[in-house]
């Protein structure tokens, strides 16, 4: 049976749409029967077997990525170290992030992730610890469409007061994101980002940031190796380079280092990040 877009529940899917889209919970062979009900009664098709391929990054192409998870990143920027530790949990057989702990010169920031029964991240709560005192600083809630894609992220402060929100648009029924629009708490557009020039593997190669009036603020061109970005060049509205980042991919296809030169307000900063993994 089919649905109006979304995942199967209990191996059934119901829809009133003319052309429903079904998202299967896993790859493999599935036996499918279509049952249509209307004013003229009910009709059931013969069972047929279809093959579901694994989901690919960006909704297209093949990416030979290893089954590994980042456990720690260490970034040195202008002599200061920032360490991020990742903790995971397993939901519906899939490993997902449950916590991020960021340590910056003794200031610890913790982000906890909450998921629904479908394994979708629906809430992120960030708290910071200063001199032994912990305060909740940011709460993000996420909303999904019937295809399991994030369509809205709302940002709240520690008092649970809405600060603003971001909506996301996609290319048809694919997972290719085309636009993020940022709004104030009262719904006033504050700016937007477009994702363009997708490659065969479904990776966007151009990101452009616009002000609310549609004027260009900055842009970034990305070059990929096996679906991972290896070079990022960012420019401001006048074409000056404000980001020059080179990433190193090892022989196993893992991102190992990121070396960035960032220019902002007339100041140039160099940042170097190293990645540590756990592999299944």
Protein backbone atom coordinates (compact mmCIF):
# COMPACT_ATOMS: atom_id res chain seq x y z
CA UNK A 1 0.00 0.00 0.00
CA UNK A 2 1.20 3.55 -0.63
CA UNK A 3 1.43 6.85 1.23
CA UNK A 4 1.50 10.60 0.81
CA UNK A 5 5.21 10.62 1.34
CA UNK A 6 7.04 9.28 4.38
CA UNK A 7 8.15 6.02 5.94
CA UNK A 8 6.34 2.73 6.26
CA UNK A 9 4.70 1.96 9.59
CA UNK A 10 4.08 -1.72 10.43
CA UNK A 11 4.83 -2.58 6.78
CA UNK A 12 1.78 -0.65 5.54
CA UNK A 13 1.41 2.73 3.93
CA UNK A 14 -1.87 4.58 3.33
CA UNK A 15 -2.40 7.63 1.16
CA UNK A 16 -5.04 9.80 -0.47
CA UNK A 17 -2.51 11.33 -2.88
CA UNK A 18 -2.69 10.76 -6.66
CA UNK A 19 1.04 9.88 -6.88
CA UNK A 20 2.18 8.75 -3.43
CA UNK A 21 5.89 8.34 -2.63
CA UNK A 22 6.99 5.50 -0.39
CA UNK A 23 10.17 5.52 1.69
CA UNK A 24 11.08 1.98 2.75
CA UNK A 25 12.64 1.50 6.21
CA UNK A 26 15.58 -0.52 4.88
CA UNK A 27 17.25 -1.83 1.74
CA UNK A 28 16.63 -5.31 0.33
CA UNK A 29 13.76 -7.14 -1.37
CA UNK A 30 10.19 -6.18 -0.52
CA UNK A 31 6.96 -7.86 -1.59
CA UNK A 32 4.45 -5.15 -2.45
CA UNK A 33 0.69 -5.27 -2.93
CA UNK A 34 -1.29 -2.21 -4.01
CA UNK A 35 -4.83 -1.88 -2.73
CA UNK A 36 -7.04 0.94 -4.05
CA UNK A 37 -10.34 1.87 -2.44
CA UNK A 38 -12.91 4.28 -3.86
CA UNK A 39 -16.58 4.83 -4.55
CA UNK A 40 -16.61 1.84 -6.87
CA UNK A 41 -15.27 -0.53 -4.25
CA UNK A 42 -11.81 -2.02 -3.64
CA UNK A 43 -9.21 -3.47 -6.02
CA UNK A 44 -6.06 -5.35 -5.01
CA UNK A 45 -3.12 -5.93 -7.36
CA UNK A 46 -1.09 -9.16 -7.48
CA UNK A 47 1.95 -9.19 -5.18
CA UNK A 48 5.24 -8.17 -6.80
CA UNK A 49 8.82 -8.06 -5.48
CA UNK A 50 10.91 -4.90 -5.75
CA UNK A 51 14.51 -4.24 -4.75
CA UNK A 52 15.38 -1.23 -2.60
CA UNK A 53 18.95 0.05 -2.90
CA UNK A 54 20.78 1.70 0.01
CA UNK A 55 20.19 5.43 0.36
CA UNK A 56 23.02 7.49 -1.10
CA UNK A 57 24.49 10.74 0.18
CA UNK A 58 22.67 13.72 -1.26
CA UNK A 59 20.09 11.57 -3.01
CA UNK A 60 22.11 10.44 -6.00
CA UNK A 61 25.20 8.61 -7.20
CA UNK A 62 27.44 6.18 -5.33
CA UNK A 63 29.72 7.00 -2.42
CA UNK A 64 32.10 4.34 -1.15
CA UNK A 65 32.23 5.69 2.41
CA UNK A 66 33.45 3.53 5.32
CA UNK A 67 31.14 2.68 8.22
CA UNK A 68 32.99 4.90 10.69
CA UNK A 69 31.90 7.55 13.18
CA UNK A 70 33.76 10.62 14.40
CA UNK A 71 34.53 10.31 18.11
CA UNK A 72 36.68 13.42 18.60
CA UNK A 73 37.88 16.51 16.79
CA UNK A 74 40.68 18.76 18.03
CA UNK A 75 41.01 22.21 16.51
CA UNK A 76 43.92 24.58 17.10
CA UNK A 77 43.10 28.16 16.21
CA UNK A 78 45.44 31.03 17.07
CA UNK A 79 47.05 28.93 19.80
CA UNK A 80 43.79 27.90 21.46
CA UNK A 81 42.52 24.31 21.39
CA UNK A 82 38.89 23.33 20.95
CA UNK A 83 38.05 19.66 21.60
CA UNK A 84 34.73 18.10 20.63
CA UNK A 85 33.80 14.61 21.88
CA UNK A 86 30.96 12.66 20.23
CA UNK A 87 28.71 10.08 21.93
CA UNK A 88 26.37 7.82 19.98
CA UNK A 89 23.30 5.71 20.60
CA UNK A 90 21.51 3.16 18.42
CA UNK A 91 17.90 3.66 17.30
CA UNK A 92 16.17 1.17 15.00
CA UNK A 93 19.54 -0.40 14.27
CA UNK A 94 21.15 2.87 13.21
CA UNK A 95 23.89 4.64 15.15
CA UNK A 96 23.07 8.32 15.79
CA UNK A 97 24.68 11.13 17.78
CA UNK A 98 23.33 11.42 21.32
CA UNK A 99 25.70 14.03 22.75
CA UNK A 100 28.42 16.50 21.78
CA UNK A 101 30.76 17.92 24.43
CA UNK A 102 32.86 20.92 23.42
CA UNK A 103 35.74 22.09 25.61
CA UNK A 104 37.17 25.53 24.88
CA UNK A 105 39.80 26.77 27.32
CA UNK A 106 37.97 25.18 30.24
CA UNK A 107 34.50 26.26 29.17
CA UNK A 108 32.41 23.15 28.52
CA UNK A 109 29.39 23.20 26.21
CA UNK A 110 27.15 20.13 25.96
CA UNK A 111 24.53 19.43 23.29
CA UNK A 112 22.06 16.60 23.90
CA UNK A 113 20.08 15.10 21.00
CA UNK A 114 16.55 13.68 21.27
CA UNK A 115 14.90 11.38 18.70
CA UNK A 116 11.41 10.17 17.91
CA UNK A 117 10.38 6.55 17.34
CA UNK A 118 11.37 6.82 13.66
CA UNK A 119 14.92 7.77 14.60
CA UNK A 120 14.52 11.41 13.56
CA UNK A 121 16.37 14.04 15.59
CA UNK A 122 13.59 16.27 16.94
CA UNK A 123 15.37 18.31 19.62
CA UNK A 124 18.84 19.61 20.46
CA UNK A 125 19.51 21.19 23.85
CA UNK A 126 22.80 23.03 24.40
CA UNK A 127 24.04 23.98 27.86
CA UNK A 128 27.24 25.69 28.95
CA UNK A 129 29.20 25.32 32.19
CA UNK A 130 31.05 28.36 33.57
CA UNK A 131 32.94 28.09 36.86
CA UNK A 132 30.75 25.21 37.97
CA UNK A 133 27.42 26.79 36.96
CA UNK A 134 25.39 25.25 34.13
CA UNK A 135 22.89 27.19 32.06
CA UNK A 136 20.78 26.14 29.07
CA UNK A 137 21.63 28.52 26.27
CA UNK A 138 20.02 27.14 23.09
CA UNK A 139 17.16 24.77 22.29
CA UNK A 140 16.56 23.69 18.68
CA UNK A 141 13.47 21.77 17.60
CA UNK A 142 13.22 20.09 14.19
CA UNK A 143 10.15 19.31 12.08
CA UNK A 144 9.95 16.82 9.18
CA UNK A 145 7.83 16.33 6.11
CA UNK A 146 6.25 13.06 4.96
CA UNK A 147 9.47 12.05 3.20
CA UNK A 148 11.50 12.26 6.40
CA UNK A 149 13.24 15.50 5.42
CA UNK A 150 13.86 18.38 7.84
CA UNK A 151 11.66 21.28 6.77
CA UNK A 152 11.88 23.58 9.79
CA UNK A 153 14.32 24.23 12.62
CA UNK A 154 13.16 26.54 15.42
CA UNK A 155 15.60 28.21 17.78
CA UNK A 156 14.69 28.97 21.42
CA UNK A 157 16.70 30.53 24.23
CA UNK A 158 17.19 29.03 27.69
CA UNK A 159 13.82 30.42 28.79
CA UNK A 160 12.12 28.58 25.90
CA UNK A 161 11.35 31.83 24.07
CA UNK A 162 11.42 31.57 20.27
CA UNK A 163 14.36 33.48 18.78
CA UNK A 164 13.85 32.61 15.13
CA UNK A 165 13.51 29.72 12.73
CA UNK A 166 14.86 28.29 9.47
CA UNK A 167 12.85 26.60 6.74
CA UNK A 168 14.38 24.20 4.19
CA UNK A 169 13.29 23.54 0.60
CA UNK A 170 14.19 20.55 -1.57
CA UNK A 171 14.36 19.59 -5.24
CA UNK A 172 11.10 17.71 -5.78
CA UNK A 173 10.96 14.43 -3.85
CA UNK A 174 14.75 14.11 -3.60
CA UNK A 175 17.00 14.72 -0.61
CA UNK A 176 18.78 17.52 -2.46
CA UNK A 177 18.39 20.68 -0.41
CA UNK A 178 17.97 23.80 -2.53
CA UNK A 179 17.32 26.63 -0.07
CA UNK A 180 17.41 27.53 3.63
CA UNK A 181 15.52 30.67 4.66
CA UNK A 182 16.14 32.31 8.02
CA UNK A 183 13.34 34.18 9.81
CA UNK A 184 13.03 36.22 13.00
CA UNK A 185 10.67 35.11 15.76
CA UNK A 186 7.95 37.26 14.19
CA UNK A 187 8.41 35.73 10.74
CA UNK A 188 10.49 38.46 9.11
CA UNK A 189 12.97 37.14 6.52
CA UNK A 190 16.54 37.82 7.65
CA UNK A 191 18.46 36.05 4.90
CA UNK A 192 18.68 32.84 2.93
CA UNK A 193 21.16 30.29 1.57
CA UNK A 194 20.98 28.45 -1.76
CA UNK A 195 22.63 25.12 -2.64
CA UNK A 196 23.41 24.71 -6.32
CA UNK A 197 25.38 22.87 -9.00
CA UNK A 198 24.98 19.32 -7.69
CA UNK A 199 27.41 16.68 -8.95
CA UNK A 200 26.55 13.10 -9.99
CA UNK A 201 26.84 11.90 -6.39
CA UNK A 202 24.32 14.47 -5.14
CA UNK A 203 26.80 16.90 -3.55
CA UNK A 204 26.21 20.62 -3.98
CA UNK A 205 29.28 22.42 -5.34
CA UNK A 206 28.11 25.99 -4.79
CA UNK A 207 26.61 27.59 -1.69
CA UNK A 208 25.48 31.22 -1.80
CA UNK A 209 24.42 33.34 1.16
CA UNK A 210 22.02 36.24 0.58
CA UNK A 211 20.76 39.12 2.66
CA UNK A 212 17.03 39.60 3.17
CA UNK A 213 16.86 42.03 0.25
CA UNK A 214 18.32 39.44 -2.13
CA UNK A 215 21.81 40.94 -2.31
CA UNK A 216 24.70 38.49 -2.22
CA UNK A 217 26.56 38.31 1.09
CA UNK A 218 29.07 35.53 0.39
CA UNK A 219 29.58 32.32 -1.59
CA UNK A 220 31.50 29.06 -1.22
CA UNK A 221 32.71 26.71 -3.94
CA UNK A 222 33.29 23.09 -2.86
CA UNK A 223 35.37 20.36 -4.51
CA UNK A 224 34.80 16.71 -3.49
CA UNK A 225 36.71 13.47 -3.28
CA UNK A 226 34.49 10.39 -2.87
CA UNK A 227 31.62 12.55 -1.59
CA UNK A 228 33.77 14.34 1.00
CA UNK A 229 34.77 18.01 0.50
CA UNK A 230 38.52 18.37 0.00
CA UNK A 231 38.62 22.05 -0.94
CA UNK A 232 36.43 24.99 0.04
CA UNK A 233 36.93 28.52 -1.26
CA UNK A 234 34.71 31.20 0.25
CA UNK A 235 34.39 34.74 -1.08
CA UNK A 236 32.62 37.85 0.13
CA UNK A 237 30.20 39.87 -2.00
CA UNK A 238 33.05 41.67 -3.77
CA UNK A 239 34.96 38.48 -4.61
CA UNK A 240 37.65 38.64 -1.93
CA UNK A 241 38.68 35.24 -0.52
CA UNK A 242 37.51 34.93 3.10
CA UNK A 243 37.90 31.16 3.45
CA UNK A 244 40.53 28.82 2.03
CA UNK A 245 40.12 25.33 3.46
CA UNK A 246 41.91 22.13 2.46
CA UNK A 247 40.82 18.76 3.83
CA UNK A 248 42.86 15.57 3.80
CA UNK A 249 41.20 12.22 3.03
CA UNK A 250 43.14 9.08 3.99
CA UNK A 251 43.39 5.83 2.03
CA UNK A 252 40.29 4.45 3.78
CA UNK A 253 38.16 7.38 2.65
CA UNK A 254 38.10 9.14 6.02
CA UNK A 255 38.42 12.87 6.57
CA UNK A 256 41.54 13.22 8.73
CA UNK A 257 42.57 16.90 8.78
CA UNK A 258 41.15 20.30 7.89
CA UNK A 259 43.42 23.31 7.42
CA UNK A 260 41.65 26.65 7.11
CA UNK A 261 42.67 30.24 6.54
CA UNK A 262 39.82 32.58 7.54
CA UNK A 263 39.75 36.33 6.93
CA UNK A 264 37.22 38.49 8.75
CA UNK A 265 37.26 42.15 9.69
CA UNK A 266 40.78 42.56 8.35
CA UNK A 267 42.10 39.75 10.57
CA UNK A 268 43.39 36.44 9.22
CA UNK A 269 43.13 33.31 11.38
CA UNK A 270 44.55 29.85 10.75
CA UNK A 271 42.72 26.82 12.11
CA UNK A 272 43.80 23.17 11.98
CA UNK A 273 41.44 20.31 12.87
CA UNK A 274 42.24 16.62 13.39
CA UNK A 275 39.58 13.87 13.36
CA UNK A 276 39.45 10.59 15.34
CA UNK A 277 37.07 7.73 14.43
CA UNK A 278 35.50 4.53 15.65
CA UNK A 279 34.72 2.05 12.88
CA UNK A 280 32.22 -0.83 12.93
